[in-house]
Amino acid sequence: MSNTEYLTATMTVDRTPEQVFEAIANVRGWWSENLIGHSAALHDEFVFTDDSEYAGETIRAKEGLRFARFQITEFVPGRRVVWHVVDSDFINEPDEWTGTNVIFDITTNAKGTTVHFTHEGLTAAESACFEACSPAWTFFITESLPQLITTGTGRPIAGYRRRTTAIGRRGVAGVAE
């Protein structure tokens, strides 16, 4: 299967690769304020969920909630970030994100810095969420992330409450902010 079959989005901004990379690592600033964990270093783990009572467990028993646990498996400043989906639970196909990779490749050109986004493993032919995920990822990559980079304020999913919880190598301890 070629990468062109995966969910992709591309955007370019007139900023340095380092500024773009820093913004990508600020996941709460452009994707969702409902993240728990850390996303700014290699091997960091974070969780996206709709569950305001999430305490570090897999939430498969809670119907109607989305959940994905990510681990940063590549973190090359100014060049590339890869999030590996360690576990997931989505409404129609609970495991469809598990084992996929969310990839941000950063390049420079005459217009500035370009982010090539790929959700590797999520295809139109095989993914229940592709129709919903494609416009959502496109919005966050082509609108919210560039706004964060250029203005300092993105358009993430609003938080039910902001929490800092370290998961994985830093242990699990939730603290409401």
N, C-alpha and C. Protein backbone atom coordinates (compact mmCIF):
# COMPACT_ATOMS: atom_id res chain seq x y z
N MET A 1 0.84 -1.18 0.00
CA MET A 1 0.00 0.00 0.00
C MET A 1 0.89 1.24 0.00
N SER A 2 0.64 2.18 -0.88
CA SER A 2 1.47 3.38 -0.95
C SER A 2 0.95 4.44 0.01
N ASN A 3 1.81 5.38 0.37
CA ASN A 3 1.42 6.44 1.30
C ASN A 3 0.29 7.30 0.75
N THR A 4 0.12 7.35 -0.58
CA THR A 4 -0.94 8.18 -1.15
C THR A 4 -2.32 7.66 -0.79
N GLU A 5 -2.42 6.43 -0.33
CA GLU A 5 -3.71 5.88 0.07
C GLU A 5 -4.05 6.22 1.52
N TYR A 6 -3.09 6.71 2.28
CA TYR A 6 -3.33 7.07 3.67
C TYR A 6 -3.94 8.45 3.77
N LEU A 7 -4.54 8.74 4.90
CA LEU A 7 -5.07 10.06 5.15
C LEU A 7 -3.90 11.05 5.22
N THR A 8 -3.94 12.10 4.41
CA THR A 8 -2.85 13.08 4.37
C THR A 8 -3.40 14.50 4.35
N ALA A 9 -2.56 15.44 4.74
CA ALA A 9 -2.84 16.87 4.63
C ALA A 9 -1.50 17.59 4.59
N THR A 10 -1.48 18.75 3.95
CA THR A 10 -0.24 19.52 3.81
C THR A 10 -0.55 20.99 4.03
N MET A 11 0.37 21.69 4.67
CA MET A 11 0.24 23.13 4.83
C MET A 11 1.63 23.75 4.85
N THR A 12 1.69 25.03 4.47
CA THR A 12 2.95 25.78 4.44
C THR A 12 2.74 27.10 5.17
N VAL A 13 3.72 27.48 5.99
CA VAL A 13 3.70 28.76 6.69
C VAL A 13 5.05 29.45 6.54
N ASP A 14 5.04 30.75 6.67
CA ASP A 14 6.27 31.54 6.58
C ASP A 14 6.91 31.63 7.97
N ARG A 15 7.40 30.51 8.43
CA ARG A 15 8.07 30.41 9.73
C ARG A 15 9.21 29.41 9.60
N THR A 16 10.08 29.36 10.59
CA THR A 16 11.21 28.45 10.55
C THR A 16 10.76 27.02 10.87
N PRO A 17 11.53 26.03 10.44
CA PRO A 17 11.21 24.65 10.81
C PRO A 17 11.17 24.45 12.32
N GLU A 18 12.01 25.16 13.04
CA GLU A 18 12.03 25.04 14.50
C GLU A 18 10.74 25.56 15.12
N GLN A 19 10.22 26.68 14.60
CA GLN A 19 8.96 27.22 15.10
C GLN A 19 7.80 26.27 14.81
N VAL A 20 7.81 25.69 13.63
CA VAL A 20 6.76 24.74 13.24
C VAL A 20 6.83 23.49 14.12
N PHE A 21 8.03 22.99 14.32
CA PHE A 21 8.23 21.80 15.15
C PHE A 21 7.74 22.04 16.58
N GLU A 22 8.08 23.19 17.12
CA GLU A 22 7.65 23.54 18.48
C GLU A 22 6.12 23.57 18.58
N ALA A 23 5.47 24.10 17.56
CA ALA A 23 4.01 24.16 17.56
C ALA A 23 3.39 22.76 17.47
N ILE A 24 3.97 21.89 16.64
CA ILE A 24 3.46 20.52 16.53
C ILE A 24 3.52 19.84 17.89
N ALA A 25 4.60 20.06 18.63
CA ALA A 25 4.77 19.44 19.95
C ALA A 25 3.77 19.99 20.97
N ASN A 26 3.21 21.16 20.71
CA ASN A 26 2.20 21.76 21.58
C ASN A 26 0.81 21.28 21.13
N VAL A 27 0.56 20.00 21.29
CA VAL A 27 -0.65 19.36 20.77
C VAL A 27 -1.92 19.99 21.35
N ARG A 28 -1.89 20.39 22.61
CA ARG A 28 -3.06 21.05 23.22
C ARG A 28 -3.37 22.38 22.56
N GLY A 29 -2.38 22.99 21.96
CA GLY A 29 -2.57 24.29 21.34
C GLY A 29 -3.25 24.26 19.99
N TRP A 30 -3.26 23.10 19.31
CA TRP A 30 -3.85 23.06 17.97
C TRP A 30 -4.82 21.90 17.73
N TRP A 31 -4.72 20.78 18.49
CA TRP A 31 -5.62 19.64 18.23
C TRP A 31 -6.71 19.53 19.29
N SER A 32 -6.33 19.32 20.54
CA SER A 32 -7.34 19.13 21.58
C SER A 32 -6.79 19.51 22.94
N GLU A 33 -7.56 20.27 23.67
CA GLU A 33 -7.19 20.58 25.05
C GLU A 33 -7.45 19.39 25.96
N ASN A 34 -8.16 18.38 25.45
CA ASN A 34 -8.51 17.18 26.23
C ASN A 34 -7.41 16.13 26.15
N LEU A 35 -6.18 16.54 26.27
CA LEU A 35 -5.06 15.60 26.24
C LEU A 35 -4.51 15.45 27.64
N ILE A 36 -4.08 14.24 27.92
CA ILE A 36 -3.49 13.93 29.21
C ILE A 36 -2.11 13.36 28.93
N GLY A 37 -1.10 13.90 29.55
CA GLY A 37 0.26 13.42 29.34
C GLY A 37 1.13 14.49 28.72
N HIS A 38 2.22 14.05 28.11
CA HIS A 38 3.22 14.96 27.55
C HIS A 38 3.48 14.62 26.10
N SER A 39 3.82 15.66 25.31
CA SER A 39 4.02 15.47 23.87
C SER A 39 5.22 16.26 23.36
N ALA A 40 6.23 16.45 24.20
CA ALA A 40 7.34 17.32 23.81
C ALA A 40 8.70 16.64 23.80
N ALA A 41 8.75 15.30 23.86
CA ALA A 41 10.04 14.61 23.85
C ALA A 41 9.87 13.18 23.34
N LEU A 42 10.94 12.62 22.85
CA LEU A 42 10.94 11.23 22.42
C LEU A 42 10.49 10.33 23.57
N HIS A 43 9.64 9.39 23.29
CA HIS A 43 9.07 8.41 24.23
C HIS A 43 7.99 8.98 25.13
N ASP A 44 7.69 10.28 25.04
CA ASP A 44 6.55 10.80 25.80
C ASP A 44 5.29 10.07 25.34
N GLU A 45 4.32 9.98 26.25
CA GLU A 45 3.03 9.41 25.93
C GLU A 45 1.94 10.40 26.32
N PHE A 46 0.88 10.40 25.51
CA PHE A 46 -0.28 11.22 25.83
C PHE A 46 -1.53 10.50 25.35
N VAL A 47 -2.65 10.91 25.93
CA VAL A 47 -3.94 10.29 25.64
C VAL A 47 -4.91 11.37 25.19
N PHE A 48 -5.63 11.07 24.11
CA PHE A 48 -6.77 11.86 23.68
C PHE A 48 -8.02 11.08 24.08
N THR A 49 -8.96 11.74 24.73
CA THR A 49 -10.21 11.07 25.11
C THR A 49 -11.33 12.08 25.29
N ASP A 50 -12.56 11.60 25.15
CA ASP A 50 -13.74 12.40 25.44
C ASP A 50 -14.17 12.25 26.90
N ASP A 51 -13.50 11.37 27.64
CA ASP A 51 -13.90 11.02 29.00
C ASP A 51 -13.28 11.99 30.01
N SER A 52 -14.09 12.84 30.60
CA SER A 52 -13.58 13.82 31.56
C SER A 52 -13.13 13.19 32.87
N GLU A 53 -13.47 11.93 33.09
CA GLU A 53 -13.06 11.25 34.32
C GLU A 53 -11.91 10.28 34.08
N TYR A 54 -11.27 10.36 32.93
CA TYR A 54 -10.19 9.44 32.58
C TYR A 54 -9.08 9.48 33.62
N ALA A 55 -8.62 8.31 34.04
CA ALA A 55 -7.59 8.24 35.09
C ALA A 55 -6.42 7.35 34.70
N GLY A 56 -6.21 7.12 33.40
CA GLY A 56 -5.06 6.35 32.98
C GLY A 56 -5.35 4.96 32.46
N GLU A 57 -6.58 4.53 32.56
CA GLU A 57 -6.95 3.19 32.13
C GLU A 57 -7.41 3.21 30.66
N THR A 58 -7.50 2.04 30.06
CA THR A 58 -8.16 1.92 28.76
C THR A 58 -9.65 1.96 29.04
N ILE A 59 -10.41 2.67 28.24
CA ILE A 59 -11.82 2.91 28.57
C ILE A 59 -12.78 2.13 27.70
N ARG A 60 -12.43 0.94 27.32
CA ARG A 60 -13.26 0.14 26.41
C ARG A 60 -14.67 -0.12 26.95
N ALA A 61 -14.86 -0.09 28.23
CA ALA A 61 -16.18 -0.39 28.80
C ALA A 61 -17.13 0.80 28.72
N LYS A 62 -16.64 1.97 28.35
CA LYS A 62 -17.47 3.17 28.32
C LYS A 62 -17.90 3.45 26.89
N GLU A 63 -19.14 3.15 26.56
CA GLU A 63 -19.63 3.30 25.20
C GLU A 63 -19.78 4.77 24.81
N GLY A 64 -19.55 5.04 23.52
CA GLY A 64 -19.74 6.38 22.97
C GLY A 64 -18.60 7.33 23.22
N LEU A 65 -17.48 6.85 23.74
CA LEU A 65 -16.34 7.71 24.00
C LEU A 65 -15.19 7.34 23.08
N ARG A 66 -14.43 8.35 22.67
CA ARG A 66 -13.24 8.11 21.86
C ARG A 66 -12.02 8.13 22.78
N PHE A 67 -11.05 7.30 22.42
CA PHE A 67 -9.84 7.17 23.23
C PHE A 67 -8.69 6.77 22.31
N ALA A 68 -7.54 7.41 22.47
CA ALA A 68 -6.33 6.97 21.77
C ALA A 68 -5.13 7.31 22.65
N ARG A 69 -4.25 6.33 22.82
CA ARG A 69 -3.00 6.53 23.57
C ARG A 69 -1.86 6.54 22.55
N PHE A 70 -1.08 7.62 22.57
CA PHE A 70 0.02 7.81 21.64
C PHE A 70 1.36 7.74 22.36
N GLN A 71 2.37 7.22 21.67
CA GLN A 71 3.75 7.32 22.15
C GLN A 71 4.56 7.98 21.04
N ILE A 72 5.38 8.94 21.41
CA ILE A 72 6.24 9.59 20.43
C ILE A 72 7.42 8.67 20.16
N THR A 73 7.50 8.18 18.91
CA THR A 73 8.54 7.21 18.54
C THR A 73 9.65 7.83 17.69
N GLU A 74 9.39 9.00 17.12
CA GLU A 74 10.43 9.77 16.43
C GLU A 74 10.23 11.23 16.80
N PHE A 75 11.32 11.91 17.09
CA PHE A 75 11.26 13.30 17.52
C PHE A 75 12.56 13.97 17.08
N VAL A 76 12.59 14.44 15.84
CA VAL A 76 13.79 15.03 15.25
C VAL A 76 13.52 16.52 15.08
N PRO A 77 14.04 17.37 15.97
CA PRO A 77 13.73 18.80 15.94
C PRO A 77 13.89 19.43 14.56
N GLY A 78 12.84 20.15 14.16
CA GLY A 78 12.84 20.84 12.88
C GLY A 78 12.62 19.95 11.67
N ARG A 79 12.44 18.63 11.87
CA ARG A 79 12.34 17.72 10.73
C ARG A 79 11.18 16.73 10.76
N ARG A 80 10.97 16.08 11.92
CA ARG A 80 9.99 14.98 11.90
C ARG A 80 9.51 14.63 13.30
N VAL A 81 8.21 14.33 13.39
CA VAL A 81 7.60 13.81 14.61
C VAL A 81 6.71 12.64 14.20
N VAL A 82 6.79 11.54 14.96
CA VAL A 82 5.90 10.41 14.72
C VAL A 82 5.27 10.01 16.05
N TRP A 83 3.93 9.92 16.03
CA TRP A 83 3.18 9.40 17.17
C TRP A 83 2.72 8.00 16.78
N HIS A 84 3.04 7.02 17.58
CA HIS A 84 2.54 5.66 17.35
C HIS A 84 1.32 5.46 18.24
N VAL A 85 0.22 4.96 17.67
CA VAL A 85 -0.99 4.72 18.45
C VAL A 85 -0.85 3.35 19.13
N VAL A 86 -0.64 3.40 20.44
CA VAL A 86 -0.42 2.20 21.25
C VAL A 86 -1.73 1.48 21.52
N ASP A 87 -2.80 2.24 21.71
CA ASP A 87 -4.10 1.68 22.04
C ASP A 87 -5.15 2.68 21.60
N SER A 88 -6.32 2.19 21.22
CA SER A 88 -7.40 3.09 20.84
C SER A 88 -8.75 2.41 21.05
N ASP A 89 -9.76 3.23 21.13
CA ASP A 89 -11.13 2.75 21.23
C ASP A 89 -12.02 3.80 20.59
N PHE A 90 -12.50 3.51 19.40
CA PHE A 90 -13.38 4.43 18.71
C PHE A 90 -14.76 3.80 18.57
N ILE A 91 -15.73 4.60 18.26
CA ILE A 91 -17.13 4.20 18.34
C ILE A 91 -17.48 3.06 17.38
N ASN A 92 -17.16 3.18 16.10
CA ASN A 92 -17.57 2.16 15.13
C ASN A 92 -16.58 1.00 15.02
N GLU A 93 -15.32 1.28 14.99
CA GLU A 93 -14.27 0.26 14.89
C GLU A 93 -13.28 0.53 16.02
N PRO A 94 -13.47 -0.06 17.17
CA PRO A 94 -12.68 0.29 18.35
C PRO A 94 -11.17 0.30 18.16
N ASP A 95 -10.62 -0.65 17.43
CA ASP A 95 -9.16 -0.76 17.32
C ASP A 95 -8.58 -0.16 16.05
N GLU A 96 -9.37 0.55 15.25
CA GLU A 96 -8.85 0.92 13.94
C GLU A 96 -7.65 1.86 13.98
N TRP A 97 -7.46 2.64 15.02
CA TRP A 97 -6.26 3.48 15.10
C TRP A 97 -5.09 2.74 15.73
N THR A 98 -5.34 1.68 16.50
CA THR A 98 -4.26 0.96 17.17
C THR A 98 -3.27 0.43 16.15
N GLY A 99 -1.99 0.73 16.38
CA GLY A 99 -0.93 0.29 15.48
C GLY A 99 -0.65 1.24 14.33
N THR A 100 -1.44 2.31 14.19
CA THR A 100 -1.19 3.28 13.13
C THR A 100 -0.17 4.31 13.61
N ASN A 101 0.33 5.11 12.68
CA ASN A 101 1.29 6.17 12.99
C ASN A 101 0.79 7.50 12.47
N VAL A 102 0.90 8.52 13.29
CA VAL A 102 0.58 9.88 12.91
C VAL A 102 1.93 10.57 12.68
N ILE A 103 2.17 10.98 11.42
CA ILE A 103 3.50 11.44 11.01
C ILE A 103 3.46 12.89 10.57
N PHE A 104 4.41 13.67 11.05
CA PHE A 104 4.59 15.05 10.65
C PHE A 104 6.00 15.17 10.06
N ASP A 105 6.09 15.36 8.75
CA ASP A 105 7.38 15.59 8.10
C ASP A 105 7.47 17.07 7.77
N ILE A 106 8.57 17.69 8.16
CA ILE A 106 8.77 19.13 8.01
C ILE A 106 9.86 19.37 6.98
N THR A 107 9.54 20.19 5.96
CA THR A 107 10.51 20.55 4.93
C THR A 107 10.47 22.05 4.71
N THR A 108 11.51 22.56 4.07
CA THR A 108 11.53 23.99 3.73
C THR A 108 11.48 24.14 2.22
N ASN A 109 10.95 25.29 1.79
CA ASN A 109 10.90 25.64 0.38
C ASN A 109 10.89 27.15 0.26
N ALA A 110 10.73 27.66 -0.94
CA ALA A 110 10.77 29.10 -1.18
C ALA A 110 9.67 29.86 -0.44
N LYS A 111 8.56 29.19 -0.13
CA LYS A 111 7.43 29.85 0.54
C LYS A 111 7.51 29.77 2.06
N GLY A 112 8.43 28.98 2.59
CA GLY A 112 8.54 28.85 4.04
C GLY A 112 8.77 27.41 4.45
N THR A 113 8.02 26.99 5.45
CA THR A 113 8.15 25.64 5.99
C THR A 113 6.84 24.89 5.74
N THR A 114 6.98 23.67 5.24
CA THR A 114 5.82 22.84 4.91
C THR A 114 5.74 21.66 5.85
N VAL A 115 4.53 21.37 6.31
CA VAL A 115 4.25 20.17 7.09
C VAL A 115 3.49 19.21 6.19
N HIS A 116 4.04 18.02 6.02
CA HIS A 116 3.37 16.93 5.31
C HIS A 116 2.87 15.99 6.40
N PHE A 117 1.56 15.93 6.57
CA PHE A 117 0.93 15.11 7.60
C PHE A 117 0.42 13.83 6.96
N THR A 118 0.67 12.71 7.62
CA THR A 118 0.15 11.42 7.17
C THR A 118 -0.34 10.64 8.38
N HIS A 119 -1.56 10.14 8.31
CA HIS A 119 -2.02 9.18 9.32
C HIS A 119 -1.86 7.81 8.65
N GLU A 120 -0.68 7.25 8.82
CA GLU A 120 -0.30 5.99 8.18
C GLU A 120 -1.08 4.83 8.79
N GLY A 121 -1.79 4.13 7.94
CA GLY A 121 -2.62 3.02 8.40
C GLY A 121 -4.09 3.34 8.36
N LEU A 122 -4.44 4.60 8.18
CA LEU A 122 -5.83 5.00 8.07
C LEU A 122 -6.14 5.24 6.60
N THR A 123 -6.89 4.34 5.97
CA THR A 123 -7.17 4.42 4.54
C THR A 123 -8.66 4.51 4.28
N ALA A 124 -9.01 5.11 3.15
CA ALA A 124 -10.42 5.22 2.77
C ALA A 124 -11.05 3.85 2.58
N ALA A 125 -10.28 2.92 2.05
CA ALA A 125 -10.82 1.59 1.76
C ALA A 125 -11.03 0.74 3.00
N GLU A 126 -10.26 1.00 4.06
CA GLU A 126 -10.27 0.09 5.21
C GLU A 126 -10.66 0.72 6.54
N SER A 127 -10.95 2.01 6.58
CA SER A 127 -11.18 2.69 7.86
C SER A 127 -12.62 3.18 7.99
N ALA A 128 -13.27 2.77 9.06
CA ALA A 128 -14.64 3.21 9.33
C ALA A 128 -14.70 4.71 9.56
N CYS A 129 -13.66 5.28 10.15
CA CYS A 129 -13.70 6.71 10.49
C CYS A 129 -13.14 7.61 9.40
N PHE A 130 -12.71 7.06 8.27
CA PHE A 130 -12.02 7.88 7.27
C PHE A 130 -12.83 9.10 6.85
N GLU A 131 -14.13 8.92 6.60
CA GLU A 131 -14.97 10.05 6.17
C GLU A 131 -15.01 11.16 7.21
N ALA A 132 -15.05 10.82 8.48
CA ALA A 132 -15.08 11.82 9.54
C ALA A 132 -13.67 12.29 9.90
N CYS A 133 -12.72 11.37 9.91
CA CYS A 133 -11.35 11.71 10.31
C CYS A 133 -10.66 12.60 9.29
N SER A 134 -10.92 12.39 8.00
CA SER A 134 -10.24 13.16 6.97
C SER A 134 -10.51 14.66 7.07
N PRO A 135 -11.78 15.11 7.11
CA PRO A 135 -11.98 16.55 7.25
C PRO A 135 -11.53 17.08 8.61
N ALA A 136 -11.61 16.26 9.64
CA ALA A 136 -11.16 16.71 10.96
C ALA A 136 -9.65 16.94 10.96
N TRP A 137 -8.87 15.92 10.54
CA TRP A 137 -7.42 16.09 10.48
C TRP A 137 -7.06 17.25 9.55
N THR A 138 -7.75 17.36 8.41
CA THR A 138 -7.46 18.45 7.47
C THR A 138 -7.66 19.80 8.14
N PHE A 139 -8.74 19.96 8.89
CA PHE A 139 -8.96 21.22 9.61
C PHE A 139 -7.82 21.49 10.59
N PHE A 140 -7.47 20.51 11.41
CA PHE A 140 -6.45 20.75 12.43
C PHE A 140 -5.08 21.02 11.81
N ILE A 141 -4.75 20.36 10.70
CA ILE A 141 -3.44 20.55 10.08
C ILE A 141 -3.39 21.80 9.22
N THR A 142 -4.45 22.11 8.48
CA THR A 142 -4.40 23.24 7.55
C THR A 142 -4.97 24.54 8.10
N GLU A 143 -5.67 24.49 9.22
CA GLU A 143 -6.22 25.71 9.80
C GLU A 143 -5.74 25.96 11.23
N SER A 144 -5.98 25.01 12.12
CA SER A 144 -5.65 25.24 13.53
C SER A 144 -4.14 25.33 13.76
N LEU A 145 -3.37 24.37 13.24
CA LEU A 145 -1.92 24.39 13.44
C LEU A 145 -1.27 25.64 12.84
N PRO A 146 -1.58 26.05 11.60
CA PRO A 146 -0.99 27.28 11.09
C PRO A 146 -1.36 28.52 11.91
N GLN A 147 -2.59 28.55 12.43
CA GLN A 147 -2.98 29.68 13.27
C GLN A 147 -2.15 29.71 14.54
N LEU A 148 -1.92 28.54 15.14
CA LEU A 148 -1.07 28.50 16.33
C LEU A 148 0.33 29.00 16.00
N ILE A 149 0.86 28.58 14.87
CA ILE A 149 2.22 28.96 14.48
C ILE A 149 2.32 30.45 14.20
N THR A 150 1.35 31.02 13.50
CA THR A 150 1.45 32.41 13.06
C THR A 150 0.88 33.43 14.05
N THR A 151 -0.08 33.02 14.88
CA THR A 151 -0.69 33.99 15.80
C THR A 151 -0.48 33.65 17.27
N GLY A 152 -0.07 32.41 17.54
CA GLY A 152 0.08 31.97 18.92
C GLY A 152 -1.18 31.36 19.50
N THR A 153 -2.27 31.35 18.71
CA THR A 153 -3.53 30.78 19.17
C THR A 153 -4.12 29.89 18.08
N GLY A 154 -4.19 28.59 18.37
CA GLY A 154 -4.82 27.65 17.44
C GLY A 154 -6.30 27.52 17.74
N ARG A 155 -6.93 26.54 17.11
CA ARG A 155 -8.36 26.30 17.31
C ARG A 155 -8.58 24.84 17.70
N PRO A 156 -8.05 24.44 18.85
CA PRO A 156 -8.20 23.04 19.28
C PRO A 156 -9.61 22.76 19.79
N ILE A 157 -9.90 21.47 19.94
CA ILE A 157 -11.13 21.06 20.61
C ILE A 157 -11.06 21.61 22.03
N ALA A 158 -12.11 22.30 22.46
CA ALA A 158 -12.11 22.92 23.79
C ALA A 158 -12.06 21.86 24.88
N GLY A 159 -11.39 22.19 25.95
CA GLY A 159 -11.22 21.24 27.04
C GLY A 159 -12.37 21.24 28.01
N TYR A 160 -12.67 20.08 28.56
CA TYR A 160 -13.63 19.98 29.65
C TYR A 160 -12.96 20.39 30.94
N ARG A 161 -11.68 20.16 31.01
CA ARG A 161 -10.80 20.68 32.05
C ARG A 161 -9.40 20.31 31.61
N ARG A 162 -8.46 21.11 31.94
CA ARG A 162 -7.09 20.80 31.57
C ARG A 162 -6.45 20.04 32.70
N ARG A 163 -5.77 18.95 32.32
CA ARG A 163 -5.09 18.13 33.31
C ARG A 163 -3.68 17.89 32.85
N THR A 164 -2.80 17.76 33.80
CA THR A 164 -1.47 17.30 33.46
C THR A 164 -1.31 15.95 34.11
N THR A 165 -1.11 14.97 33.30
CA THR A 165 -0.90 13.62 33.79
C THR A 165 0.25 13.03 33.02
N ALA A 166 1.23 12.57 33.71
CA ALA A 166 2.34 11.91 33.04
C ALA A 166 1.99 10.44 32.91
N ILE A 167 2.19 9.92 31.73
CA ILE A 167 1.89 8.52 31.46
C ILE A 167 3.16 7.87 30.96
N GLY A 168 3.35 6.63 31.33
CA GLY A 168 4.51 5.90 30.82
C GLY A 168 5.74 6.14 31.65
N ARG A 169 6.81 6.58 30.98
CA ARG A 169 8.10 6.67 31.66
C ARG A 169 8.11 7.66 32.82
N ARG A 170 7.16 8.57 32.85
CA ARG A 170 7.11 9.54 33.94
C ARG A 170 6.12 9.14 35.02
N GLY A 171 5.48 7.97 34.89
CA GLY A 171 4.51 7.52 35.89
C GLY A 171 3.13 8.08 35.59
N VAL A 172 2.15 7.74 36.38
CA VAL A 172 0.79 8.22 36.19
C VAL A 172 0.36 8.95 37.45
N ALA A 173 0.08 10.23 37.30
CA ALA A 173 -0.40 11.03 38.41
C ALA A 173 -1.18 12.20 37.85
N GLY A 174 -2.48 12.23 38.01
CA GLY A 174 -3.30 13.30 37.44
C GLY A 174 -3.41 14.48 38.36
N VAL A 175 -3.29 15.66 37.78
CA VAL A 175 -3.42 16.90 38.54
C VAL A 175 -4.23 17.87 37.70
N ALA A 176 -5.35 18.34 38.22
CA ALA A 176 -6.13 19.33 37.48
C ALA A 176 -5.39 20.65 37.51
N GLU A 177 -5.41 21.34 36.35
CA GLU A 177 -4.73 22.64 36.28
C GLU A 177 -5.69 23.74 36.65
